[in-house]
Amino acid sequence: MRVPAKAFALAALAATLAPPMSGAAVADAPQTSLRPQARPVVIAGSVTAASLAQVIDRATPAAAPAAAPASQPQTTPRASVILASASSLRPRLRPSALASSGSRSATPQATPVAADPGFTAWLSGFRRRAMAEGITGATFDRAFRNARFMPEVIAKDRNQSEFTKSIGDYMDGAVSDSRVRNGRREYSRNTRLLSSIESSYGVPGQYITAIWGLETAYGSYRGKTPLISSMATLAYEGRRGAFYEAQLIALLKVVQHGDSQPENMLGSWAGASGHTQFMPTSYLGYAVDHTGDGRRDIWSDDPSDSLASSANYLAKHGWRRGQPWGVEVTLPANFDYTQANGPERMPSAWARLGVRPARGQLRDYGNARLLLLAGARGPAFLVFHNFDVIKRYNNADTYALAVGILGDRIAGAGDITRPWPQGERMLKRSERVELQRLLTRRGYDTGGVDGILGSRSTAAIRAYQRSIGATPDGHPSVALLSRLR
């Protein structure tokens, strides 16, 4: 659950973001992680940099390197779809270029500590700070016995590029036929485990399986970077020194408690690790010992503790038993699109406006809002409280939607009825800034020119769309920007 501060996404719809994840990049898998983390926050249609790692399909587990998930809840800049690490589909400020090939046993080459005098000096000061946090000298020495300064990690952190893809391309990768097929296999193979987890935490197994699939292709791409070395390197580098020092101290507490050994703690170069990509600080707050062996071991090949920890994370953030995440709906021909992405109503109230479930019936499970990620041309969804709980794992609408749809498919449901519009990419941050600037110049109040498309920017877009006779869905498209130019 790169859940609190991570950085990965669809090349990724990135969101932003993550449950226990907090600010790290996705595992060194392919460029396609959707894992949670201190994940970047998605704002009004945009995804945080870390949230969207490129969506690359991992056909069969252990096949060619696929994508690794991002990290957990974290504070990260917002961005449009970002190609975080090379292997995560989860949203969040996740570092991009992650090594995606190689076996899990192979670890990136590292430069000995002695090769960088500055790192050695920093380590001496950090030792004192760690001991002030309760870390013993024995634990510290044991953890850093084979630690290395890793300049390549700094290079990755400084070279995260912003890529944009269409939401359709992202969703097609996140909910691909192979991901659904592999998910159904793992769901069936782990029926007893998932039933036990649902009984304990109330989160249906298909959604935990979906997170597992989006984060690490069902455990196939968990990352192979030694976490102690990578976190120490990033903490020393200084740009987010305090954040990474906190992650490093959390790792030392894991070692001191006996949950795992330093040599077994491998993951993304940005800190997310385990089957569901937790950041170290998220691990401390939400990891659980589901196997009963006395250790919260998310690094084991056995996914039990990881999957249960993700369920615990969602439960602790307010998951409501028995409530769906959402449902695809159809809209009447004369629908008022200003009702989208805003007001919440009971499904019965939406029905009176002509909003109907695409399949079956929909009970009043609670208030829901209408979500149109691709505007009037794309599929529509009513999403409930649990949709926002999933976003706590990775703060991106695209990630939460991928988890919901993939989970439903894993449990046997069919695909959505309305296809995603193809060929229209998401706007880059520079283009979102330009969009706001052009709207402001025309007299529309966007609430600022910062690339963050919030409610006022959406209202401004709708007002402009009405002025030119377009459907006022508030969708920030390339075509709209071109028209403004």
Protein backbone atom coordinates (compact mmCIF):
# COMPACT_ATOMS: atom_id res chain seq x y z
CA MET A 1 0.00 0.00 0.00
CA ARG A 2 2.34 2.51 -0.97
CA VAL A 3 -0.18 4.24 0.51
CA PRO A 4 0.85 7.37 2.21
CA ALA A 5 3.54 9.04 0.25
CA LYS A 6 4.22 7.27 -2.85
CA ALA A 7 4.93 8.07 -6.37
CA PHE A 8 3.75 5.81 -9.06
CA ALA A 9 1.04 5.51 -11.53
CA LEU A 10 -0.06 4.89 -14.87
CA ALA A 11 2.52 6.08 -16.92
CA ALA A 12 0.50 6.39 -15.31
CA LEU A 13 -2.43 7.67 -14.07
CA ALA A 14 -0.75 8.83 -11.20
CA ALA A 15 -1.98 9.70 -8.34
CA THR A 16 -1.81 10.07 -6.95
CA LEU A 17 -0.52 7.97 -4.31
CA ALA A 18 -1.51 5.03 -0.72
CA PRO A 19 -2.46 3.30 2.25
CA PRO A 20 0.39 2.74 4.33
CA MET A 21 2.36 4.14 1.62
CA SER A 22 3.86 7.36 2.06
CA GLY A 23 5.96 9.06 -0.44
CA ALA A 24 7.95 6.58 -2.35
CA ALA A 25 8.22 5.14 -5.73
CA VAL A 26 6.95 1.88 -6.87
CA ALA A 27 8.74 -1.38 -6.84
CA ASP A 28 11.31 -1.93 -9.49
CA ALA A 29 8.85 -3.66 -11.67
CA PRO A 30 7.68 -2.55 -14.98
CA GLN A 31 6.28 0.88 -15.42
CA THR A 32 2.80 0.22 -14.21
CA SER A 33 2.01 0.39 -10.58
CA LEU A 34 -1.22 1.40 -8.97
CA ARG A 35 -0.22 0.93 -5.45
CA PRO A 36 -1.14 3.17 -2.53
CA GLN A 37 1.16 5.08 -0.40
CA ALA A 38 1.55 8.35 1.15
CA ARG A 39 0.26 8.94 -2.12
CA PRO A 40 0.09 12.04 -4.03
CA VAL A 41 -3.21 13.74 -3.95
CA VAL A 42 -5.32 13.88 -7.01
CA ILE A 43 -6.98 17.14 -7.56
CA ALA A 44 -10.06 17.77 -9.54
CA GLY A 45 -9.37 15.44 -12.32
CA SER A 46 -5.62 15.53 -12.22
CA VAL A 47 -3.51 12.84 -10.74
CA THR A 48 -0.56 13.38 -8.51
CA ALA A 49 2.75 12.59 -9.97
CA ALA A 50 3.25 9.66 -7.82
CA SER A 51 -0.13 8.35 -8.32
CA LEU A 52 -0.02 7.08 -11.76
CA ALA A 53 2.61 4.74 -12.75
CA GLN A 54 2.47 3.64 -16.31
CA VAL A 55 0.06 0.84 -16.87
CA ILE A 56 1.95 -2.01 -18.33
CA ASP A 57 0.27 -5.31 -18.48
CA ARG A 58 1.83 -8.13 -16.60
CA ALA A 59 0.52 -11.11 -18.36
CA THR A 60 1.71 -13.91 -16.20
CA PRO A 61 3.26 -13.59 -12.80
CA ALA A 62 6.97 -13.77 -13.06
CA ALA A 63 6.81 -13.04 -16.71
CA ALA A 64 8.72 -10.18 -18.21
CA PRO A 65 9.14 -7.37 -15.71
CA ALA A 66 5.94 -5.55 -15.39
CA ALA A 67 5.01 -2.73 -13.24
CA ALA A 68 5.49 -2.22 -9.58
CA PRO A 69 3.15 -0.25 -7.37
CA ALA A 70 3.66 3.03 -5.87
CA SER A 71 3.77 4.15 -2.30
CA GLN A 72 1.47 5.13 0.46
CA PRO A 73 -0.10 8.29 1.61
CA GLN A 74 2.33 11.06 1.27
CA THR A 75 2.64 14.64 0.42
CA THR A 76 3.42 14.94 -3.21
CA PRO A 77 2.86 17.35 -5.96
CA ARG A 78 -0.13 16.87 -8.08
CA ALA A 79 0.31 15.91 -11.61
CA SER A 80 -1.51 14.40 -14.46
CA VAL A 81 -0.93 10.84 -15.38
CA ILE A 82 2.60 10.14 -14.42
CA LEU A 83 4.82 7.36 -15.38
CA ALA A 84 6.16 6.63 -12.02
CA SER A 85 8.35 3.74 -11.56
CA ALA A 86 8.49 1.24 -14.23
CA SER A 87 6.05 -1.05 -12.68
CA SER A 88 3.22 0.33 -10.77
CA LEU A 89 -0.34 1.15 -11.58
CA ARG A 90 -0.97 2.89 -8.43
CA PRO A 91 -1.20 6.62 -8.15
CA ARG A 92 1.03 8.74 -6.05
CA LEU A 93 4.11 10.91 -6.30
CA ARG A 94 6.09 8.04 -7.32
CA PRO A 95 9.46 8.14 -8.79
CA SER A 96 9.41 7.01 -12.36
CA ALA A 97 12.15 5.07 -14.06
CA LEU A 98 12.38 1.99 -11.94
CA ALA A 99 14.39 -0.96 -13.05
CA SER A 100 11.92 -3.52 -14.13
CA SER A 101 13.90 -6.53 -15.08
CA GLY A 102 15.84 -9.07 -13.17
CA SER A 103 15.06 -11.64 -10.56
CA ARG A 104 13.98 -10.70 -7.07
CA SER A 105 17.27 -11.95 -5.71
CA ALA A 106 19.31 -9.61 -7.86
CA THR A 107 19.81 -6.20 -6.30
CA PRO A 108 21.01 -2.97 -7.90
CA GLN A 109 24.73 -2.31 -7.77
CA ALA A 110 25.60 0.06 -4.94
CA THR A 111 28.61 2.17 -4.13
CA PRO A 112 30.29 1.34 -0.81
CA VAL A 113 29.59 3.84 1.95
CA ALA A 114 33.26 4.78 2.04
CA ALA A 115 33.03 5.99 -1.55
CA ASP A 116 31.09 9.05 -0.40
CA PRO A 117 32.60 10.81 2.64
CA GLY A 118 29.54 13.05 2.91
CA PHE A 119 27.27 10.05 3.26
CA THR A 120 29.51 8.60 5.96
CA ALA A 121 29.38 11.86 7.91
CA TRP A 122 25.60 12.07 7.53
CA LEU A 123 25.27 8.49 8.75
CA SER A 124 27.10 9.37 11.95
CA GLY A 125 24.65 12.16 12.68
CA PHE A 126 21.67 10.04 11.74
CA ARG A 127 22.78 7.33 14.16
CA ARG A 128 22.35 9.80 17.03
CA ARG A 129 18.92 10.84 15.79
CA ALA A 130 17.85 7.21 15.41
CA MET A 131 18.96 6.35 18.93
CA ALA A 132 16.95 9.31 20.21
CA GLU A 133 13.95 7.58 18.60
CA GLY A 134 14.59 4.40 20.58
CA ILE A 135 16.78 2.50 18.12
CA THR A 136 19.56 0.60 19.88
CA GLY A 137 23.15 0.70 18.75
CA ALA A 138 23.05 -3.04 18.07
CA THR A 139 20.00 -2.68 15.81
CA PHE A 140 21.56 0.23 13.95
CA ASP A 141 24.86 -1.56 13.36
CA ARG A 142 23.12 -4.71 12.23
CA ALA A 143 20.87 -2.84 9.79
CA PHE A 144 23.73 -0.84 8.29
CA ARG A 145 26.29 -3.64 8.21
CA ASN A 146 25.85 -4.02 4.45
CA ALA A 147 24.28 -0.64 3.69
CA ARG A 148 25.49 1.24 0.65
CA PHE A 149 25.27 4.69 -0.82
CA MET A 150 23.26 4.32 -4.06
CA PRO A 151 23.81 7.23 -6.48
CA GLU A 152 21.54 5.56 -9.03
CA VAL A 153 18.62 5.99 -6.64
CA ILE A 154 19.26 9.74 -6.51
CA ALA A 155 19.39 9.78 -10.31
CA LYS A 156 15.98 8.08 -10.49
CA ASP A 157 14.50 10.46 -7.94
CA ARG A 158 15.70 13.48 -9.92
CA ASN A 159 14.58 12.22 -13.29
CA GLN A 160 10.91 11.47 -12.90
CA SER A 161 9.28 12.50 -16.13
CA GLU A 162 5.66 13.45 -16.53
CA PHE A 163 3.91 11.36 -19.14
CA THR A 164 0.30 11.60 -20.13
CA LYS A 165 -1.97 8.93 -21.49
CA SER A 166 -5.64 8.73 -22.13
CA ILE A 167 -7.76 7.42 -19.29
CA GLY A 168 -8.90 4.72 -21.70
CA ASP A 169 -5.34 3.49 -22.22
CA TYR A 170 -4.76 3.50 -18.47
CA MET A 171 -7.93 1.62 -17.65
CA ASP A 172 -7.38 -0.88 -20.45
CA GLY A 173 -3.99 -1.69 -18.96
CA ALA A 174 -5.16 -1.72 -15.36
CA VAL A 175 -8.12 -3.99 -16.09
CA SER A 176 -6.63 -6.01 -18.94
CA ASP A 177 -7.84 -9.50 -19.78
CA SER A 178 -4.64 -11.04 -18.42
CA ARG A 179 -4.85 -9.09 -15.17
CA VAL A 180 -8.45 -10.22 -14.75
CA ARG A 181 -7.56 -13.81 -15.60
CA ASN A 182 -4.61 -13.91 -13.21
CA GLY A 183 -6.68 -12.19 -10.56
CA ARG A 184 -9.42 -14.80 -10.78
CA ARG A 185 -6.81 -17.51 -10.43
CA GLU A 186 -5.31 -15.94 -7.30
CA TYR A 187 -8.75 -15.18 -5.90
CA SER A 188 -9.70 -18.85 -6.25
CA ARG A 189 -6.34 -20.09 -4.98
CA ASN A 190 -6.58 -17.93 -1.85
CA THR A 191 -10.29 -18.34 -1.11
CA ARG A 192 -9.85 -19.39 2.52
CA LEU A 193 -7.31 -16.67 3.24
CA LEU A 194 -9.43 -13.94 1.66
CA SER A 195 -12.57 -15.13 3.43
CA SER A 196 -10.72 -14.97 6.73
CA ILE A 197 -9.49 -11.47 5.94
CA GLU A 198 -12.98 -10.29 4.98
CA SER A 199 -14.38 -11.75 8.19
CA SER A 200 -11.79 -9.84 10.22
CA TYR A 201 -11.82 -6.49 8.42
CA GLY A 202 -15.01 -6.36 6.35
CA VAL A 203 -13.31 -5.73 3.01
CA PRO A 204 -14.38 -8.16 0.25
CA GLY A 205 -11.54 -10.34 -1.01
CA GLN A 206 -11.94 -9.37 -4.65
CA TYR A 207 -10.92 -5.78 -3.91
CA ILE A 208 -7.91 -6.81 -1.86
CA THR A 209 -6.95 -9.07 -4.75
CA ALA A 210 -7.38 -6.16 -7.16
CA ILE A 211 -5.03 -3.98 -5.11
CA TRP A 212 -2.54 -6.85 -5.07
CA GLY A 213 -2.79 -7.12 -8.85
CA LEU A 214 -2.39 -3.41 -9.49
CA GLU A 215 0.44 -2.98 -7.05
CA THR A 216 2.70 -5.92 -7.86
CA ALA A 217 0.96 -8.13 -10.43
CA TYR A 218 -0.10 -10.48 -7.64
CA GLY A 219 3.32 -10.51 -6.02
CA SER A 220 5.35 -10.95 -9.19
CA TYR A 221 7.04 -7.55 -9.07
CA ARG A 222 7.69 -6.47 -5.52
CA GLY A 223 10.94 -4.61 -6.14
CA LYS A 224 14.53 -5.66 -5.53
CA THR A 225 16.21 -2.59 -4.10
CA PRO A 226 17.61 -2.92 -0.54
CA LEU A 227 15.41 -0.57 1.46
CA ILE A 228 17.93 0.41 4.13
CA SER A 229 20.38 1.57 1.47
CA SER A 230 17.83 3.35 -0.71
CA MET A 231 16.10 5.15 2.16
CA ALA A 232 19.46 6.19 3.65
CA THR A 233 20.59 7.48 0.27
CA LEU A 234 17.44 9.57 -0.22
CA ALA A 235 17.52 10.84 3.36
CA TYR A 236 21.14 11.92 2.88
CA GLU A 237 20.41 13.55 -0.48
CA GLY A 238 18.22 16.02 1.37
CA ARG A 239 15.44 17.17 -0.93
CA ARG A 240 12.96 15.20 1.16
CA GLY A 241 15.39 14.38 3.91
CA ALA A 242 12.95 14.52 6.83
CA PHE A 243 10.46 12.29 5.04
CA TYR A 244 13.01 9.64 4.17
CA GLU A 245 14.64 9.75 7.60
CA ALA A 246 11.21 8.92 9.02
CA GLN A 247 10.95 5.99 6.60
CA LEU A 248 14.44 4.83 7.55
CA ILE A 249 13.71 4.95 11.28
CA ALA A 250 10.52 2.98 10.63
CA LEU A 251 12.61 0.30 8.89
CA LEU A 252 14.99 0.19 11.85
CA LYS A 253 12.00 -0.35 14.14
CA VAL A 254 10.93 -3.27 11.96
CA VAL A 255 14.37 -4.82 12.40
CA GLN A 256 14.45 -4.10 16.12
CA HIS A 257 11.03 -5.67 16.62
CA GLY A 258 12.12 -8.79 14.74
CA ASP A 259 9.47 -8.64 12.01
CA SER A 260 12.08 -9.03 9.26
CA GLN A 261 15.81 -8.96 8.54
CA PRO A 262 17.57 -6.12 6.67
CA GLU A 263 18.61 -8.44 3.85
CA ASN A 264 15.00 -9.50 3.27
CA MET A 265 13.63 -5.98 3.12
CA LEU A 266 13.62 -5.32 -0.61
CA GLY A 267 11.25 -3.08 -2.52
CA SER A 268 10.93 -0.02 -4.71
CA TRP A 269 13.85 2.38 -4.82
CA ALA A 270 11.45 4.93 -3.34
CA GLY A 271 10.54 2.79 -0.34
CA ALA A 272 7.32 0.93 -1.09
CA SER A 273 7.56 -2.80 -0.50
CA GLY A 274 5.68 -6.02 0.01
CA HIS A 275 2.91 -7.60 -2.05
CA THR A 276 0.75 -4.50 -1.70
CA GLN A 277 3.53 -1.91 -1.52
CA PHE A 278 3.54 -0.33 1.89
CA MET A 279 5.78 2.55 2.83
CA PRO A 280 7.69 1.87 6.08
CA THR A 281 5.72 4.38 8.16
CA SER A 282 2.46 2.94 6.84
CA TYR A 283 3.71 -0.48 7.80
CA LEU A 284 4.19 0.64 11.40
CA GLY A 285 0.66 1.98 11.56
CA TYR A 286 -1.31 -0.68 9.70
CA ALA A 287 0.60 -3.92 9.11
CA VAL A 288 -0.85 -6.97 10.88
CA ASP A 289 0.28 -10.50 11.72
CA HIS A 290 -2.43 -12.55 10.03
CA THR A 291 -0.52 -15.83 10.11
CA GLY A 292 -0.07 -15.74 13.88
CA ASP A 293 3.68 -16.39 13.78
CA GLY A 294 4.47 -13.29 15.81
CA ARG A 295 5.80 -11.28 12.86
CA ARG A 296 4.15 -8.80 10.50
CA ASP A 297 6.05 -10.05 7.49
CA ILE A 298 4.93 -8.33 4.29
CA TRP A 299 8.23 -9.33 2.62
CA SER A 300 7.51 -13.05 2.72
CA ASP A 301 6.52 -14.93 -0.42
CA ASP A 302 3.39 -15.82 1.54
CA PRO A 303 1.01 -12.89 0.84
CA SER A 304 -1.13 -13.44 3.95
CA ASP A 305 0.23 -10.62 6.11
CA SER A 306 0.39 -8.21 3.16
CA LEU A 307 -3.19 -8.78 2.04
CA ALA A 308 -4.53 -8.61 5.58
CA SER A 309 -2.55 -5.43 6.19
CA SER A 310 -4.14 -3.78 3.16
CA ALA A 311 -7.58 -4.79 4.40
CA ASN A 312 -6.74 -3.41 7.83
CA TYR A 313 -5.60 -0.17 6.23
CA LEU A 314 -8.91 0.23 4.41
CA ALA A 315 -10.91 -0.76 7.48
CA LYS A 316 -9.07 1.76 9.65
CA HIS A 317 -9.87 4.45 7.08
CA GLY A 318 -13.58 3.83 7.28
CA TRP A 319 -14.53 0.97 4.96
CA ARG A 320 -18.25 0.28 5.32
CA ARG A 321 -19.21 -3.38 5.32
CA GLY A 322 -21.84 -4.26 2.75
CA GLN A 323 -21.57 -1.03 0.76
CA PRO A 324 -20.31 -1.23 -2.85
CA TRP A 325 -17.55 1.06 -4.07
CA GLY A 326 -19.76 2.19 -6.92
CA VAL A 327 -21.62 1.11 -10.03
CA GLU A 328 -21.66 2.02 -13.71
CA VAL A 329 -24.75 4.00 -14.68
CA THR A 330 -26.45 5.34 -17.80
CA LEU A 331 -27.55 8.95 -18.21
CA PRO A 332 -30.61 10.34 -20.01
CA ALA A 333 -30.17 12.23 -23.27
CA ASN A 334 -31.06 15.55 -21.67
CA PHE A 335 -28.94 15.11 -18.56
CA ASP A 336 -27.70 18.21 -16.73
CA TYR A 337 -23.94 17.62 -16.65
CA THR A 338 -23.42 20.27 -14.01
CA GLN A 339 -24.64 17.59 -11.59
CA ALA A 340 -21.53 15.49 -12.23
CA ASN A 341 -18.50 15.38 -9.94
CA GLY A 342 -20.27 17.33 -7.25
CA PRO A 343 -23.50 16.84 -5.29
CA GLU A 344 -24.20 13.59 -3.44
CA ARG A 345 -27.61 11.92 -3.44
CA MET A 346 -29.15 8.58 -2.66
CA PRO A 347 -29.37 6.29 -5.72
CA SER A 348 -33.17 6.64 -5.61
CA ALA A 349 -32.77 10.42 -5.93
CA TRP A 350 -30.39 9.98 -8.86
CA ALA A 351 -32.94 7.63 -10.43
CA ARG A 352 -35.50 10.44 -10.40
CA LEU A 353 -33.03 12.40 -12.55
CA GLY A 354 -32.87 9.52 -15.02
CA VAL A 355 -29.59 8.05 -13.74
CA ARG A 356 -29.93 4.25 -13.85
CA PRO A 357 -27.55 1.35 -13.17
CA ALA A 358 -26.13 -0.07 -16.39
CA ARG A 359 -26.98 -3.54 -15.08
CA GLY A 360 -29.42 -4.78 -12.48
CA GLN A 361 -30.86 -2.79 -9.60
CA LEU A 362 -29.22 -0.38 -7.17
CA ARG A 363 -30.35 -0.04 -3.58
CA ASP A 364 -29.91 3.02 -1.41
CA TYR A 365 -26.58 1.97 0.10
CA GLY A 366 -25.85 5.58 1.00
CA ASN A 367 -25.16 8.89 -0.69
CA ALA A 368 -23.30 8.70 -3.98
CA ARG A 369 -21.85 11.21 -6.42
CA LEU A 370 -21.70 11.00 -10.18
CA LEU A 371 -18.18 10.46 -11.53
CA LEU A 372 -17.30 11.26 -15.16
CA LEU A 373 -13.55 10.84 -15.55
CA ALA A 374 -13.66 11.21 -19.33
CA GLY A 375 -16.44 13.77 -19.53
CA ALA A 376 -19.74 13.26 -21.34
CA ARG A 377 -18.13 10.96 -23.92
CA GLY A 378 -17.01 8.36 -21.41
CA PRO A 379 -18.67 5.91 -19.01
CA ALA A 380 -20.47 7.24 -15.94
CA PHE A 381 -20.36 5.89 -12.39
CA LEU A 382 -22.14 6.51 -9.12
CA VAL A 383 -19.49 6.15 -6.41
CA PHE A 384 -20.06 5.68 -2.68
CA HIS A 385 -18.07 6.30 0.48
CA ASN A 386 -15.95 3.18 -0.04
CA PHE A 387 -14.63 4.63 -3.30
CA ASP A 388 -13.06 7.43 -1.28
CA VAL A 389 -11.69 4.90 1.21
CA ILE A 390 -9.84 3.21 -1.65
CA LYS A 391 -8.42 6.63 -2.54
CA ARG A 392 -6.85 6.74 0.90
CA TYR A 393 -4.68 3.92 -0.39
CA ASN A 394 -3.82 5.85 -3.50
CA ASN A 395 -5.31 9.28 -3.90
CA ALA A 396 -6.36 9.11 -7.52
CA ASP A 397 -9.83 8.63 -8.96
CA THR A 398 -8.32 6.50 -11.71
CA TYR A 399 -6.67 4.16 -9.23
CA ALA A 400 -9.79 3.75 -7.11
CA LEU A 401 -11.88 3.14 -10.21
CA ALA A 402 -9.39 0.55 -11.45
CA VAL A 403 -9.53 -1.25 -8.09
CA GLY A 404 -13.32 -1.26 -8.15
CA ILE A 405 -13.75 -2.44 -11.73
CA LEU A 406 -10.93 -4.99 -11.53
CA GLY A 407 -12.30 -6.34 -8.25
CA ASP A 408 -15.76 -6.75 -9.76
CA ARG A 409 -14.29 -8.52 -12.80
CA ILE A 410 -12.26 -10.83 -10.56
CA ALA A 411 -15.46 -11.77 -8.74
CA GLY A 412 -17.10 -12.69 -12.05
CA ALA A 413 -18.76 -9.50 -13.29
CA GLY A 414 -18.63 -8.45 -16.92
CA ASP A 415 -16.79 -5.45 -18.31
CA ILE A 416 -18.30 -1.97 -18.23
CA THR A 417 -20.90 -1.40 -20.94
CA ARG A 418 -19.68 1.91 -22.32
CA PRO A 419 -16.13 2.04 -23.68
CA TRP A 420 -13.61 4.69 -22.76
CA PRO A 421 -13.01 7.28 -25.49
CA GLN A 422 -9.72 6.52 -27.20
CA GLY A 423 -7.01 8.85 -28.41
CA GLU A 424 -7.54 11.72 -25.98
CA ARG A 425 -4.67 12.04 -23.55
CA MET A 426 -4.78 13.85 -20.25
CA LEU A 427 -3.39 17.36 -20.01
CA LYS A 428 0.13 17.87 -18.73
CA ARG A 429 0.63 20.20 -15.81
CA SER A 430 1.94 22.95 -18.08
CA GLU A 431 -1.19 22.61 -20.19
CA ARG A 432 -3.45 22.75 -17.15
CA VAL A 433 -1.71 25.96 -16.10
CA GLU A 434 -2.20 27.35 -19.59
CA LEU A 435 -5.87 26.33 -19.53
CA GLN A 436 -6.41 28.23 -16.29
CA ARG A 437 -4.51 31.24 -17.56
CA LEU A 438 -6.57 31.42 -20.76
CA LEU A 439 -9.84 31.03 -18.88
CA THR A 440 -8.82 33.72 -16.40
CA ARG A 441 -7.90 36.03 -19.27
CA ARG A 442 -11.43 35.59 -20.60
CA GLY A 443 -12.91 36.58 -17.26
CA TYR A 444 -13.59 33.17 -15.71
CA ASP A 445 -12.65 32.55 -12.08
CA THR A 446 -10.43 29.45 -11.86
CA GLY A 447 -9.41 30.03 -8.27
CA GLY A 448 -5.78 30.49 -9.26
CA VAL A 449 -3.32 29.51 -11.97
CA ASP A 450 -1.47 26.58 -10.44
CA GLY A 451 -2.28 23.57 -12.60
CA ILE A 452 -4.63 22.19 -9.95
CA LEU A 453 -8.10 21.87 -11.42
CA GLY A 454 -10.38 22.21 -8.42
CA SER A 455 -14.08 22.99 -8.20
CA ARG A 456 -13.67 26.61 -9.31
CA SER A 457 -11.63 25.64 -12.35
CA THR A 458 -14.25 23.02 -13.22
CA ALA A 459 -17.00 25.63 -12.88
CA ALA A 460 -15.01 27.98 -15.11
CA ILE A 461 -14.61 25.26 -17.74
CA ARG A 462 -18.35 24.57 -17.65
CA ALA A 463 -19.18 28.25 -18.00
CA TYR A 464 -16.89 28.52 -21.01
CA GLN A 465 -18.34 25.34 -22.53
CA ARG A 466 -21.85 26.77 -22.21
CA SER A 467 -20.71 29.99 -23.88
CA ILE A 468 -19.58 28.09 -26.97
CA GLY A 469 -22.52 25.70 -27.06
CA ALA A 470 -20.58 22.64 -25.87
CA THR A 471 -21.76 20.07 -23.34
CA PRO A 472 -20.90 21.61 -19.94
CA ASP A 473 -19.30 18.51 -18.44
CA GLY A 474 -16.31 20.42 -17.02
CA HIS A 475 -13.85 18.03 -18.67
CA PRO A 476 -10.39 19.59 -19.31
CA SER A 477 -9.63 18.17 -22.74
CA VAL A 478 -6.93 18.86 -25.30
CA ALA A 479 -9.68 19.98 -27.68
CA LEU A 480 -10.94 22.51 -25.13
CA LEU A 481 -7.45 23.91 -24.64
CA SER A 482 -6.99 24.20 -28.40
CA ARG A 483 -10.29 26.07 -28.68
CA LEU A 484 -9.22 28.52 -25.97
CA ARG A 485 -5.96 29.17 -27.78
